[in-house]
Protein backbone atom coordinates (compact mmCIF):
# COMPACT_ATOMS: atom_id res chain seq x y z
CA MET A 1 50.77 162.63 85.21
CA LYS A 2 47.76 161.30 83.32
CA ASN A 3 48.32 163.77 80.45
CA ILE A 4 51.98 162.78 80.25
CA ALA A 5 51.05 159.11 80.02
CA ILE A 6 48.49 159.79 77.29
CA LYS A 7 51.04 161.76 75.28
CA ALA A 8 53.61 158.98 75.69
CA ILE A 9 51.15 156.36 74.49
CA SER A 10 50.12 158.54 71.53
CA LEU A 11 53.74 159.03 70.50
CA ALA A 12 54.39 155.30 70.76
CA LEU A 13 51.39 154.54 68.57
CA LEU A 14 52.49 157.11 66.01
CA THR A 15 55.98 155.63 65.91
CA LEU A 16 54.61 152.12 65.56
CA GLY A 17 52.32 153.27 62.76
CA MET A 18 55.27 154.80 60.93
CA VAL A 19 57.21 151.55 60.79
CA SER A 20 54.62 148.78 60.79
CA CYS A 21 53.02 149.25 57.37
CA LYS A 22 54.94 148.84 54.13
CA ASN A 23 58.09 148.55 56.23
CA ASP A 24 60.12 146.43 53.81
CA LYS A 25 60.95 149.08 51.26
CA THR A 26 62.92 148.54 48.09
CA LYS A 27 66.53 149.56 48.55
CA THR A 28 67.65 152.46 46.43
CA SER A 29 71.17 153.19 45.25
CA GLU A 30 72.92 155.71 43.09
CA ALA A 31 71.81 155.83 39.45
CA LYS A 32 73.55 153.19 37.36
CA ALA A 33 74.74 152.90 33.78
CA VAL A 34 72.47 150.99 31.41
CA GLU A 35 73.62 147.48 30.50
CA THR A 36 73.48 147.70 26.71
CA VAL A 37 72.15 144.62 24.94
CA ALA A 38 71.41 144.76 21.23
CA ALA A 39 67.66 144.38 20.90
CA ALA A 40 66.06 142.40 18.10
CA GLU A 41 62.54 143.61 18.87
CA THR A 42 61.10 146.91 20.00
CA PHE A 43 57.62 147.34 21.44
CA LYS A 44 55.85 150.65 21.94
CA ALA A 45 54.05 151.14 25.24
CA ILE A 46 50.29 151.76 25.10
CA ALA A 47 50.00 154.87 27.28
CA SER A 48 46.46 154.22 28.52
CA LYS A 49 47.44 150.73 29.70
CA THR A 50 50.90 151.50 31.07
CA THR A 51 50.62 152.72 34.63
CA VAL A 52 52.19 153.16 38.01
CA SER A 53 49.76 152.21 40.75
CA TRP A 54 50.46 153.88 44.11
CA ASP A 55 49.24 153.25 47.64
CA ALA A 56 50.08 155.78 50.36
CA ASP A 57 49.14 155.48 54.03
CA LYS A 58 48.49 158.02 56.72
CA ILE A 59 48.26 157.30 60.44
CA VAL A 60 44.49 157.21 59.90
CA GLY A 61 43.44 155.99 56.46
CA GLY A 62 45.26 156.52 53.19
CA HIS A 63 44.80 156.88 49.44
CA ASN A 64 45.58 154.92 46.30
CA GLY A 65 45.54 155.64 42.60
CA THR A 66 47.40 155.56 39.32
CA ILE A 67 49.68 157.59 37.04
CA ASN A 68 49.71 156.91 33.29
CA ALA A 69 52.62 156.79 30.91
CA SER A 70 52.93 159.34 28.14
CA ALA A 71 55.52 157.35 26.18
CA GLY A 72 57.71 154.30 26.44
CA VAL A 73 59.47 151.46 24.65
CA LEU A 74 60.28 147.91 25.68
CA ASN A 75 63.23 146.09 24.12
CA ALA A 76 63.53 142.33 23.74
CA LYS A 77 65.88 139.75 22.31
CA GLY A 78 65.07 136.06 21.86
CA GLY A 79 61.78 136.51 23.68
CA LYS A 80 63.55 137.98 26.72
CA LEU A 81 63.31 141.50 28.11
CA VAL A 82 66.62 143.32 27.73
CA GLY A 83 65.74 146.99 28.24
CA GLY A 84 63.28 149.80 27.99
CA ASN A 85 62.45 153.31 29.11
CA PHE A 86 59.22 155.00 30.08
CA ILE A 87 57.94 158.52 30.77
CA PHE A 88 55.04 158.96 33.20
CA ASP A 89 52.82 162.04 33.04
CA ILE A 90 52.25 163.24 36.61
CA ASN A 91 49.34 165.37 35.40
CA THR A 92 47.40 162.12 34.84
CA ILE A 93 47.53 161.22 38.53
CA LYS A 94 44.24 159.79 39.79
CA CYS A 95 42.85 158.89 43.20
CA LEU A 96 40.76 155.72 43.09
CA ASP A 97 39.50 155.49 46.67
CA ILE A 98 37.43 158.72 46.51
CA PRO A 99 34.60 158.95 43.94
CA ALA A 100 35.66 161.06 40.95
CA ASP A 101 32.68 163.39 41.39
CA ASP A 102 33.43 164.00 45.08
CA GLU A 103 34.96 167.44 45.63
CA ASN A 104 37.49 165.88 48.00
CA ASN A 105 38.90 163.95 45.05
CA GLY A 106 39.65 167.18 43.22
CA LYS A 107 41.14 168.75 46.35
CA LEU A 108 43.46 165.80 46.88
CA ILE A 109 44.61 165.72 43.26
CA GLY A 110 45.20 169.46 43.35
CA HIS A 111 47.32 169.07 46.46
CA LEU A 112 49.32 166.17 44.98
CA LYS A 113 50.13 168.31 41.94
CA ALA A 114 51.16 171.30 44.09
CA GLU A 115 54.61 172.15 45.44
CA ASP A 116 53.99 170.16 48.64
CA PHE A 117 54.13 166.95 46.64
CA PHE A 118 55.01 166.51 42.94
CA ASP A 119 55.22 170.18 41.93
CA VAL A 120 54.02 169.38 38.40
CA ALA A 121 54.53 172.95 37.23
CA LYS A 122 58.27 172.33 37.59
CA TYR A 123 58.40 168.54 37.27
CA PRO A 124 55.55 167.42 34.98
CA SER A 125 56.87 163.92 34.42
CA ALA A 126 58.72 161.04 36.03
CA ALA A 127 60.91 158.54 34.21
CA PHE A 128 62.03 154.94 34.54
CA GLN A 129 64.86 153.43 32.49
CA ILE A 130 65.73 149.76 32.79
CA THR A 131 69.41 149.26 33.58
CA SER A 132 69.52 145.46 33.86
CA VAL A 133 67.33 142.36 33.82
CA ASN A 134 68.34 139.22 35.69
CA GLU A 135 66.87 135.96 36.94
CA LYS A 136 66.97 135.22 40.66
CA ASP A 137 65.26 132.39 42.52
CA GLY A 138 63.06 131.74 39.51
CA LYS A 139 61.94 135.37 39.27
CA THR A 140 62.74 138.12 36.80
CA ILE A 141 64.42 140.99 38.64
CA ILE A 142 64.27 144.35 36.87
CA ALA A 143 66.62 147.14 37.93
CA GLY A 144 66.30 150.66 36.66
CA ASN A 145 66.85 154.35 37.24
CA LEU A 146 63.74 156.05 38.62
CA THR A 147 63.62 159.83 38.29
CA VAL A 148 61.09 161.83 40.32
CA LYS A 149 61.29 165.59 40.97
CA GLY A 150 64.74 165.67 39.39
CA VAL A 151 66.10 163.00 41.77
CA LYS A 152 67.43 159.88 40.02
CA LYS A 153 68.03 156.65 41.94
CA ASN A 154 68.34 153.00 41.00
CA ILE A 155 65.73 150.57 42.27
CA GLU A 156 64.96 146.92 41.58
CA PHE A 157 61.87 144.75 41.86
CA PRO A 158 60.53 141.32 40.82
CA ALA A 159 58.16 141.21 37.86
CA SER A 160 56.31 138.93 35.50
CA VAL A 161 57.32 139.44 31.87
CA ASN A 162 55.45 138.04 28.88
CA ILE A 163 56.72 138.59 25.34
CA ALA A 164 54.87 136.79 22.57
CA GLY A 165 54.19 137.70 18.97
CA ASN A 166 53.33 141.36 18.61
CA SER A 167 52.66 142.07 22.28
CA ALA A 168 54.67 142.38 25.47
CA THR A 169 53.74 142.99 29.09
CA ILE A 170 55.52 143.70 32.35
CA THR A 171 53.68 143.39 35.65
CA SER A 172 55.71 144.06 38.76
CA GLU A 173 54.99 142.68 42.17
CA GLU A 174 54.05 145.44 44.60
CA PHE A 175 57.15 146.98 46.12
CA THR A 176 57.73 150.03 48.25
CA ILE A 177 59.91 153.09 48.01
CA ASP A 178 60.71 155.77 50.55
CA ARG A 179 59.10 158.88 49.07
CA THR A 180 61.42 161.19 51.01
CA GLU A 181 64.39 159.89 49.01
CA PHE A 182 62.75 161.56 45.99
CA ASN A 183 62.14 164.88 47.76
CA LEU A 184 58.50 164.11 48.62
CA LYS A 185 58.73 165.18 52.26
CA TYR A 186 55.33 166.64 53.06
CA ASN A 187 54.13 165.68 56.58
CA SER A 188 56.89 163.10 56.98
CA GLY A 189 57.87 162.17 60.52
CA LYS A 190 61.51 162.51 59.46
CA PHE A 191 61.15 166.23 58.88
CA ALA A 192 58.54 167.23 61.45
CA ASP A 193 57.60 166.17 64.98
CA PRO A 194 55.32 163.11 64.62
CA ALA A 195 53.48 164.02 67.82
CA LYS A 196 52.63 167.45 66.44
CA LEU A 197 51.54 166.06 63.07
CA GLY A 198 49.20 163.59 64.76
CA ASP A 199 46.64 162.17 62.33
CA TYR A 200 48.13 164.32 59.56
CA LEU A 201 51.36 162.32 59.50
CA ILE A 202 51.89 160.57 56.16
CA LYS A 203 54.03 157.45 56.15
CA ASP A 204 57.23 157.52 54.13
CA ASN A 205 56.93 154.13 52.46
CA VAL A 206 54.65 154.11 49.42
CA GLY A 207 53.46 150.96 47.71
CA ILE A 208 54.20 150.87 43.99
CA LYS A 209 53.19 148.52 41.17
CA ILE A 210 54.29 149.01 37.56
CA SER A 211 52.24 147.65 34.66
CA VAL A 212 53.38 147.92 31.05
CA VAL A 213 51.39 146.87 27.99
CA ALA A 214 53.23 147.28 24.69
CA THR A 215 52.84 146.31 21.06
CA LYS A 216 54.97 146.32 17.90
C-alpha cells in the first residue's frame, strides 16, 4: 500500500510539473499566406546579433541557449515594420547554462543536433517569415510562419520594434511554443509514460525570444 501511495504521489507531481511551467503557450495554426505590403526600406539582418533564445525545462532542472541567424531581411514602410524573413542555422545552437569548456556542454549540443531533437543532418536550418503585423492593446503583434524540421505553422507574439535611420530592431517578448507540434518529441509525456520517464521527462512548452538587429 505504501509503494502504491508513493507511486501515485510521484505521478501527480510529474503531471503537475508538466503543466505548471510555461503553461500559456502561443497558439499555433496552419501556415498562412503573407500579407504583401510594398516596402520602401529593406534592412539586412546582422547574423551574429539576430538570435532565437530558447529555454527548455525538465522535471528537474533545464537548459537555455541561443541559435543564430544565417540570413534575413526586414521590410519597412513609413517607419513601420511590414514584413521580413529569416533563416536560422541550427548548427549554431549553444547552451548557455553549462560552461563552454565543460564536456557536458558538448554532449548536450551533440544530442540536440542528433535525430532525437533537431536532426541537423536532415534539417540544418529553421525559418521564420512574417505574414502580418498589427497593433493590439498598444502592442505590436507579429504573426509569421515558423518552419522547424519541415513542419510549418503560423504563430504570433508581441514585440518591440524600432526603425530609425539606417538601423532596425525587433525584440519579442518571451513566448512559448509546444515543441511536439514541430516534431520535437523526445522524452515528451505525450508520447511516453511520464512515470517511466521520471526525471528524464522534458516538458513540451519551450520559452522562445526572438531578437533581430538589422541595418541598411
